[in-house]
PDB file of all heavy atoms in Angstrom:
ATOM      1  N   PHE A   1       6.639  -9.370  -4.122  1.00  0.00           N
ATOM      2  CA  PHE A   1       7.193  -8.257  -3.358  1.00  0.00           C
ATOM      3  C   PHE A   1       6.901  -8.433  -1.878  1.00  0.00           C
ATOM      4  O   PHE A   1       7.795  -8.278  -1.027  1.00  0.00           O
ATOM      5  CB  PHE A   1       6.603  -6.938  -3.873  1.00  0.00           C
ATOM      6  CG  PHE A   1       7.222  -5.712  -3.260  1.00  0.00           C
ATOM      7  CD1 PHE A   1       8.545  -5.391  -3.482  1.00  0.00           C
ATOM      8  CD2 PHE A   1       6.475  -4.855  -2.459  1.00  0.00           C
ATOM      9  CE1 PHE A   1       9.117  -4.258  -2.927  1.00  0.00           C
ATOM     10  CE2 PHE A   1       7.029  -3.717  -1.906  1.00  0.00           C
ATOM     11  CZ  PHE A   1       8.356  -3.422  -2.139  1.00  0.00           C
ATOM     12  N   GLN A   2       5.681  -8.798  -1.549  1.00  0.00           N
ATOM     13  CA  GLN A   2       5.334  -9.000  -0.150  1.00  0.00           C
ATOM     14  C   GLN A   2       6.128 -10.147   0.472  1.00  0.00           C
ATOM     15  O   GLN A   2       6.594 -10.042   1.612  1.00  0.00           O
ATOM     16  CB  GLN A   2       3.835  -9.247  -0.023  1.00  0.00           C
ATOM     17  CG  GLN A   2       2.994  -8.025  -0.337  1.00  0.00           C
ATOM     18  CD  GLN A   2       1.522  -8.229  -0.038  1.00  0.00           C
ATOM     19  OE1 GLN A   2       1.123  -9.188   0.596  1.00  0.00           O
ATOM     20  NE2 GLN A   2       0.693  -7.310  -0.504  1.00  0.00           N
ATOM     21  N   SER A   3       6.300 -11.241  -0.247  1.00  0.00           N
ATOM     22  CA  SER A   3       7.033 -12.378   0.318  1.00  0.00           C
ATOM     23  C   SER A   3       8.508 -12.052   0.524  1.00  0.00           C
ATOM     24  O   SER A   3       9.120 -12.507   1.497  1.00  0.00           O
ATOM     25  CB  SER A   3       6.874 -13.614  -0.571  1.00  0.00           C
ATOM     26  OG  SER A   3       7.562 -13.465  -1.800  1.00  0.00           O
ATOM     27  N   LEU A   4       9.085 -11.241  -0.360  1.00  0.00           N
ATOM     28  CA  LEU A   4      10.494 -10.867  -0.222  1.00  0.00           C
ATOM     29  C   LEU A   4      10.713  -9.930   0.956  1.00  0.00           C
ATOM     30  O   LEU A   4      11.755  -9.987   1.621  1.00  0.00           O
ATOM     31  CB  LEU A   4      10.980 -10.223  -1.520  1.00  0.00           C
ATOM     32  CG  LEU A   4      11.046 -11.152  -2.736  1.00  0.00           C
ATOM     33  CD1 LEU A   4      11.319 -10.348  -4.005  1.00  0.00           C
ATOM     34  CD2 LEU A   4      12.107 -12.229  -2.551  1.00  0.00           C
ATOM     35  N   VAL A   5       9.744  -9.066   1.200  1.00  0.00           N
ATOM     36  CA  VAL A   5       9.830  -8.224   2.405  1.00  0.00           C
ATOM     37  C   VAL A   5       9.605  -9.071   3.650  1.00  0.00           C
ATOM     38  O   VAL A   5      10.317  -8.927   4.662  1.00  0.00           O
ATOM     39  CB  VAL A   5       8.819  -7.067   2.328  1.00  0.00           C
ATOM     40  CG1 VAL A   5       8.743  -6.311   3.658  1.00  0.00           C
ATOM     41  CG2 VAL A   5       9.189  -6.101   1.197  1.00  0.00           C
ATOM     42  N   ALA A   6       8.660  -9.983   3.587  1.00  0.00           N
ATOM     43  CA  ALA A   6       8.344 -10.817   4.748  1.00  0.00           C
ATOM     44  C   ALA A   6       9.524 -11.678   5.173  1.00  0.00           C
ATOM     45  O   ALA A   6       9.775 -11.862   6.374  1.00  0.00           O
ATOM     46  CB  ALA A   6       7.130 -11.700   4.437  1.00  0.00           C
ATOM     47  N   ASP A   7      10.263 -12.222   4.205  1.00  0.00           N
ATOM     48  CA  ASP A   7      11.371 -13.132   4.581  1.00  0.00           C
ATOM     49  C   ASP A   7      12.712 -12.420   4.732  1.00  0.00           C
ATOM     50  O   ASP A   7      13.739 -13.048   4.980  1.00  0.00           O
ATOM     51  CB  ASP A   7      11.486 -14.299   3.589  1.00  0.00           C
ATOM     52  CG  ASP A   7      11.950 -13.892   2.192  1.00  0.00           C
ATOM     53  OD1 ASP A   7      12.477 -12.782   2.013  1.00  0.00           O
ATOM     54  OD2 ASP A   7      11.786 -14.721   1.265  1.00  0.00           O
ATOM     55  N   GLY A   8      12.721 -11.100   4.570  1.00  0.00           N
ATOM     56  CA  GLY A   8      13.928 -10.320   4.795  1.00  0.00           C
ATOM     57  C   GLY A   8      14.857 -10.223   3.603  1.00  0.00           C
ATOM     58  O   GLY A   8      15.924  -9.611   3.703  1.00  0.00           O
ATOM     59  N   THR A   9      14.475 -10.799   2.458  1.00  0.00           N
ATOM     60  CA  THR A   9      15.299 -10.647   1.261  1.00  0.00           C
ATOM     61  C   THR A   9      15.396  -9.184   0.860  1.00  0.00           C
ATOM     62  O   THR A   9      16.451  -8.709   0.423  1.00  0.00           O
ATOM     63  CB  THR A   9      14.721 -11.475   0.098  1.00  0.00           C
ATOM     64  OG1 THR A   9      14.675 -12.851   0.481  1.00  0.00           O
ATOM     65  CG2 THR A   9      15.557 -11.334  -1.164  1.00  0.00           C
ATOM     66  N   LEU A  10      14.295  -8.473   1.010  1.00  0.00           N
ATOM     67  CA  LEU A  10      14.252  -7.039   0.761  1.00  0.00           C
ATOM     68  C   LEU A  10      13.853  -6.317   2.041  1.00  0.00           C
ATOM     69  O   LEU A  10      13.082  -6.856   2.843  1.00  0.00           O
ATOM     70  CB  LEU A  10      13.226  -6.707  -0.323  1.00  0.00           C
ATOM     71  CG  LEU A  10      13.541  -7.140  -1.752  1.00  0.00           C
ATOM     72  CD1 LEU A  10      12.343  -6.895  -2.661  1.00  0.00           C
ATOM     73  CD2 LEU A  10      14.767  -6.399  -2.295  1.00  0.00           C
ATOM     74  N   PRO A  11      14.333  -5.085   2.221  1.00  0.00           N
ATOM     75  CA  PRO A  11      13.880  -4.293   3.356  1.00  0.00           C
ATOM     76  C   PRO A  11      12.453  -3.811   3.122  1.00  0.00           C
ATOM     77  O   PRO A  11      11.948  -3.865   1.995  1.00  0.00           O
ATOM     78  CB  PRO A  11      14.857  -3.129   3.388  1.00  0.00           C
ATOM     79  CG  PRO A  11      15.267  -2.949   1.965  1.00  0.00           C
ATOM     80  CD  PRO A  11      15.314  -4.347   1.384  1.00  0.00           C
ATOM     81  N   PRO A  12      11.780  -3.333   4.155  1.00  0.00           N
ATOM     82  CA  PRO A  12      10.474  -2.706   3.942  1.00  0.00           C
ATOM     83  C   PRO A  12      10.567  -1.607   2.886  1.00  0.00           C
ATOM     84  O   PRO A  12      11.640  -1.019   2.672  1.00  0.00           O
ATOM     85  CB  PRO A  12      10.133  -2.133   5.316  1.00  0.00           C
ATOM     86  CG  PRO A  12      10.884  -3.003   6.273  1.00  0.00           C
ATOM     87  CD  PRO A  12      12.166  -3.348   5.576  1.00  0.00           C
ATOM     88  N   GLY A  13       9.447  -1.359   2.213  1.00  0.00           N
ATOM     89  CA  GLY A  13       9.503  -0.364   1.156  1.00  0.00           C
ATOM     90  C   GLY A  13       8.146   0.082   0.690  1.00  0.00           C
ATOM     91  O   GLY A  13       7.153   0.011   1.439  1.00  0.00           O
ATOM     92  N   TYR A  14       8.111   0.533  -0.562  1.00  0.00           N
ATOM     93  CA  TYR A  14       6.923   1.150  -1.127  1.00  0.00           C
ATOM     94  C   TYR A  14       6.673   0.606  -2.535  1.00  0.00           C
ATOM     95  O   TYR A  14       7.611   0.262  -3.260  1.00  0.00           O
ATOM     96  CB  TYR A  14       7.097   2.666  -1.196  1.00  0.00           C
ATOM     97  CG  TYR A  14       7.361   3.292   0.150  1.00  0.00           C
ATOM     98  CD1 TYR A  14       8.655   3.612   0.550  1.00  0.00           C
ATOM     99  CD2 TYR A  14       6.317   3.559   1.031  1.00  0.00           C
ATOM    100  CE1 TYR A  14       8.894   4.184   1.794  1.00  0.00           C
ATOM    101  CE2 TYR A  14       6.553   4.127   2.273  1.00  0.00           C
ATOM    102  CZ  TYR A  14       7.848   4.436   2.651  1.00  0.00           C
ATOM    103  OH  TYR A  14       8.092   5.000   3.888  1.00  0.00           O
ATOM    104  N   ALA A  15       5.401   0.555  -2.909  1.00  0.00           N
ATOM    105  CA  ALA A  15       5.005   0.017  -4.203  1.00  0.00           C
ATOM    106  C   ALA A  15       4.040   0.973  -4.885  1.00  0.00           C
ATOM    107  O   ALA A  15       3.309   1.716  -4.223  1.00  0.00           O
ATOM    108  CB  ALA A  15       4.362  -1.354  -4.034  1.00  0.00           C
ATOM    109  N   THR A  16       4.027   0.912  -6.229  1.00  0.00           N
ATOM    110  CA  THR A  16       3.168   1.794  -7.015  1.00  0.00           C
ATOM    111  C   THR A  16       2.411   1.008  -8.073  1.00  0.00           C
ATOM    112  O   THR A  16       2.969   0.167  -8.773  1.00  0.00           O
ATOM    113  CB  THR A  16       3.989   2.883  -7.734  1.00  0.00           C
ATOM    114  OG1 THR A  16       5.103   2.293  -8.418  1.00  0.00           O
ATOM    115  CG2 THR A  16       4.490   3.917  -6.744  1.00  0.00           C
ATOM    116  N   ASP A  17       1.118   1.301  -8.181  1.00  0.00           N
ATOM    117  CA  ASP A  17       0.340   0.853  -9.331  1.00  0.00           C
ATOM    118  C   ASP A  17       0.792   1.632 -10.563  1.00  0.00           C
ATOM    119  O   ASP A  17       1.430   2.689 -10.467  1.00  0.00           O
ATOM    120  CB  ASP A  17      -1.151   1.124  -9.112  1.00  0.00           C
ATOM    121  CG  ASP A  17      -1.776   0.263  -8.030  1.00  0.00           C
ATOM    122  OD1 ASP A  17      -1.184  -0.774  -7.662  1.00  0.00           O
ATOM    123  OD2 ASP A  17      -2.879   0.645  -7.552  1.00  0.00           O
ATOM    124  N   ASP A  18       0.421   1.129 -11.748  1.00  0.00           N
ATOM    125  CA  ASP A  18       0.714   1.868 -12.968  1.00  0.00           C
ATOM    126  C   ASP A  18       0.038   3.242 -12.917  1.00  0.00           C
ATOM    127  O   ASP A  18      -1.158   3.349 -12.629  1.00  0.00           O
ATOM    128  CB  ASP A  18       0.214   1.102 -14.187  1.00  0.00           C
ATOM    129  CG  ASP A  18       1.117  -0.062 -14.555  1.00  0.00           C
ATOM    130  OD1 ASP A  18       2.144  -0.267 -13.864  1.00  0.00           O
ATOM    131  OD2 ASP A  18       0.799  -0.773 -15.519  1.00  0.00           O
ATOM    132  N   GLY A  19       0.847   4.272 -13.155  1.00  0.00           N
ATOM    133  CA  GLY A  19       0.333   5.636 -13.111  1.00  0.00           C
ATOM    134  C   GLY A  19       0.573   6.339 -11.794  1.00  0.00           C
ATOM    135  O   GLY A  19       0.165   7.492 -11.640  1.00  0.00           O
ATOM    136  N   ALA A  20       1.246   5.686 -10.857  1.00  0.00           N
ATOM    137  CA  ALA A  20       1.525   6.299  -9.548  1.00  0.00           C
ATOM    138  C   ALA A  20       3.028   6.499  -9.367  1.00  0.00           C
ATOM    139  O   ALA A  20       3.855   5.861 -10.033  1.00  0.00           O
ATOM    140  CB  ALA A  20       0.972   5.444  -8.415  1.00  0.00           C
ATOM    141  N   GLY A  21       3.378   7.403  -8.452  1.00  0.00           N
ATOM    142  CA  GLY A  21       4.777   7.697  -8.175  1.00  0.00           C
ATOM    143  C   GLY A  21       4.993   8.029  -6.711  1.00  0.00           C
ATOM    144  O   GLY A  21       4.051   8.346  -5.977  1.00  0.00           O
ATOM    145  N   LEU A  22       6.245   7.975  -6.313  1.00  0.00           N
ATOM    146  CA  LEU A  22       6.667   8.215  -4.933  1.00  0.00           C
ATOM    147  C   LEU A  22       7.675   9.362  -4.924  1.00  0.00           C
ATOM    148  O   LEU A  22       8.723   9.278  -5.583  1.00  0.00           O
ATOM    149  CB  LEU A  22       7.323   6.961  -4.350  1.00  0.00           C
ATOM    150  CG  LEU A  22       6.469   5.693  -4.376  1.00  0.00           C
ATOM    151  CD1 LEU A  22       7.352   4.454  -4.193  1.00  0.00           C
ATOM    152  CD2 LEU A  22       5.387   5.756  -3.303  1.00  0.00           C
ATOM    153  N   LEU A  23       7.367  10.420  -4.203  1.00  0.00           N
ATOM    154  CA  LEU A  23       8.242  11.583  -4.132  1.00  0.00           C
ATOM    155  C   LEU A  23       9.042  11.539  -2.841  1.00  0.00           C
ATOM    156  O   LEU A  23       8.473  11.521  -1.749  1.00  0.00           O
ATOM    157  CB  LEU A  23       7.431  12.873  -4.213  1.00  0.00           C
ATOM    158  CG  LEU A  23       8.224  14.173  -4.042  1.00  0.00           C
ATOM    159  CD1 LEU A  23       9.291  14.312  -5.118  1.00  0.00           C
ATOM    160  CD2 LEU A  23       7.281  15.377  -4.050  1.00  0.00           C
ATOM    161  N   TYR A  24      10.354  11.532  -2.986  1.00  0.00           N
ATOM    162  CA  TYR A  24      11.269  11.531  -1.847  1.00  0.00           C
ATOM    163  C   TYR A  24      12.056  12.834  -1.828  1.00  0.00           C
ATOM    164  O   TYR A  24      12.571  13.291  -2.865  1.00  0.00           O
ATOM    165  CB  TYR A  24      12.281  10.394  -1.953  1.00  0.00           C
ATOM    166  CG  TYR A  24      11.703   8.996  -1.992  1.00  0.00           C
ATOM    167  CD1 TYR A  24      11.399   8.394  -3.205  1.00  0.00           C
ATOM    168  CD2 TYR A  24      11.518   8.255  -0.829  1.00  0.00           C
ATOM    169  CE1 TYR A  24      10.909   7.099  -3.265  1.00  0.00           C
ATOM    170  CE2 TYR A  24      11.025   6.953  -0.873  1.00  0.00           C
ATOM    171  CZ  TYR A  24      10.725   6.384  -2.088  1.00  0.00           C
ATOM    172  OH  TYR A  24      10.249   5.098  -2.159  1.00  0.00           O
ATOM    173  N   ARG A  25      12.173  13.413  -0.631  1.00  0.00           N
ATOM    174  CA  ARG A  25      13.093  14.519  -0.386  1.00  0.00           C
ATOM    175  C   ARG A  25      14.174  13.980   0.540  1.00  0.00           C
ATOM    176  O   ARG A  25      13.869  13.546   1.652  1.00  0.00           O
ATOM    177  CB  ARG A  25      12.375  15.698   0.255  1.00  0.00           C
ATOM    178  CG  ARG A  25      11.329  16.342  -0.648  1.00  0.00           C
ATOM    179  CD  ARG A  25      11.946  17.124  -1.794  1.00  0.00           C
ATOM    180  NE  ARG A  25      11.008  18.084  -2.356  1.00  0.00           N
ATOM    181  CZ  ARG A  25      11.355  19.080  -3.165  1.00  0.00           C
ATOM    182  NH1 ARG A  25      12.615  19.242  -3.493  1.00  0.00           N
ATOM    183  NH2 ARG A  25      10.437  19.899  -3.644  1.00  0.00           N
ATOM    184  N   GLY A  26      15.416  14.019   0.095  1.00  0.00           N
ATOM    185  CA  GLY A  26      16.426  13.251   0.814  1.00  0.00           C
ATOM    186  C   GLY A  26      16.017  11.789   0.754  1.00  0.00           C
ATOM    187  O   GLY A  26      15.664  11.265  -0.301  1.00  0.00           O
ATOM    188  N   THR A  27      16.022  11.126   1.894  1.00  0.00           N
ATOM    189  CA  THR A  27      15.597   9.725   1.930  1.00  0.00           C
ATOM    190  C   THR A  27      14.208   9.558   2.546  1.00  0.00           C
ATOM    191  O   THR A  27      13.790   8.440   2.835  1.00  0.00           O
ATOM    192  CB  THR A  27      16.608   8.880   2.715  1.00  0.00           C
ATOM    193  OG1 THR A  27      16.728   9.378   4.054  1.00  0.00           O
ATOM    194  CG2 THR A  27      17.976   8.897   2.045  1.00  0.00           C
ATOM    195  N   GLU A  28      13.475  10.651   2.703  1.00  0.00           N
ATOM    196  CA  GLU A  28      12.143  10.582   3.306  1.00  0.00           C
ATOM    197  C   GLU A  28      11.066  10.615   2.226  1.00  0.00           C
ATOM    198  O   GLU A  28      11.068  11.485   1.344  1.00  0.00           O
ATOM    199  CB  GLU A  28      11.936  11.761   4.253  1.00  0.00           C
ATOM    200  CG  GLU A  28      10.564  11.772   4.919  1.00  0.00           C
ATOM    201  CD  GLU A  28      10.331  12.997   5.786  1.00  0.00           C
ATOM    202  OE1 GLU A  28      11.260  13.822   5.918  1.00  0.00           O
ATOM    203  OE2 GLU A  28       9.212  13.133   6.328  1.00  0.00           O
TER     204      GLU A  28
END
């Protein structure tokens, strides 16, 4: 994941360990 963000294959983003989640309102 880090290498794909570093080389531009993927845009910057967010990652979760097992048991974690990311709450977005709209795109924030």
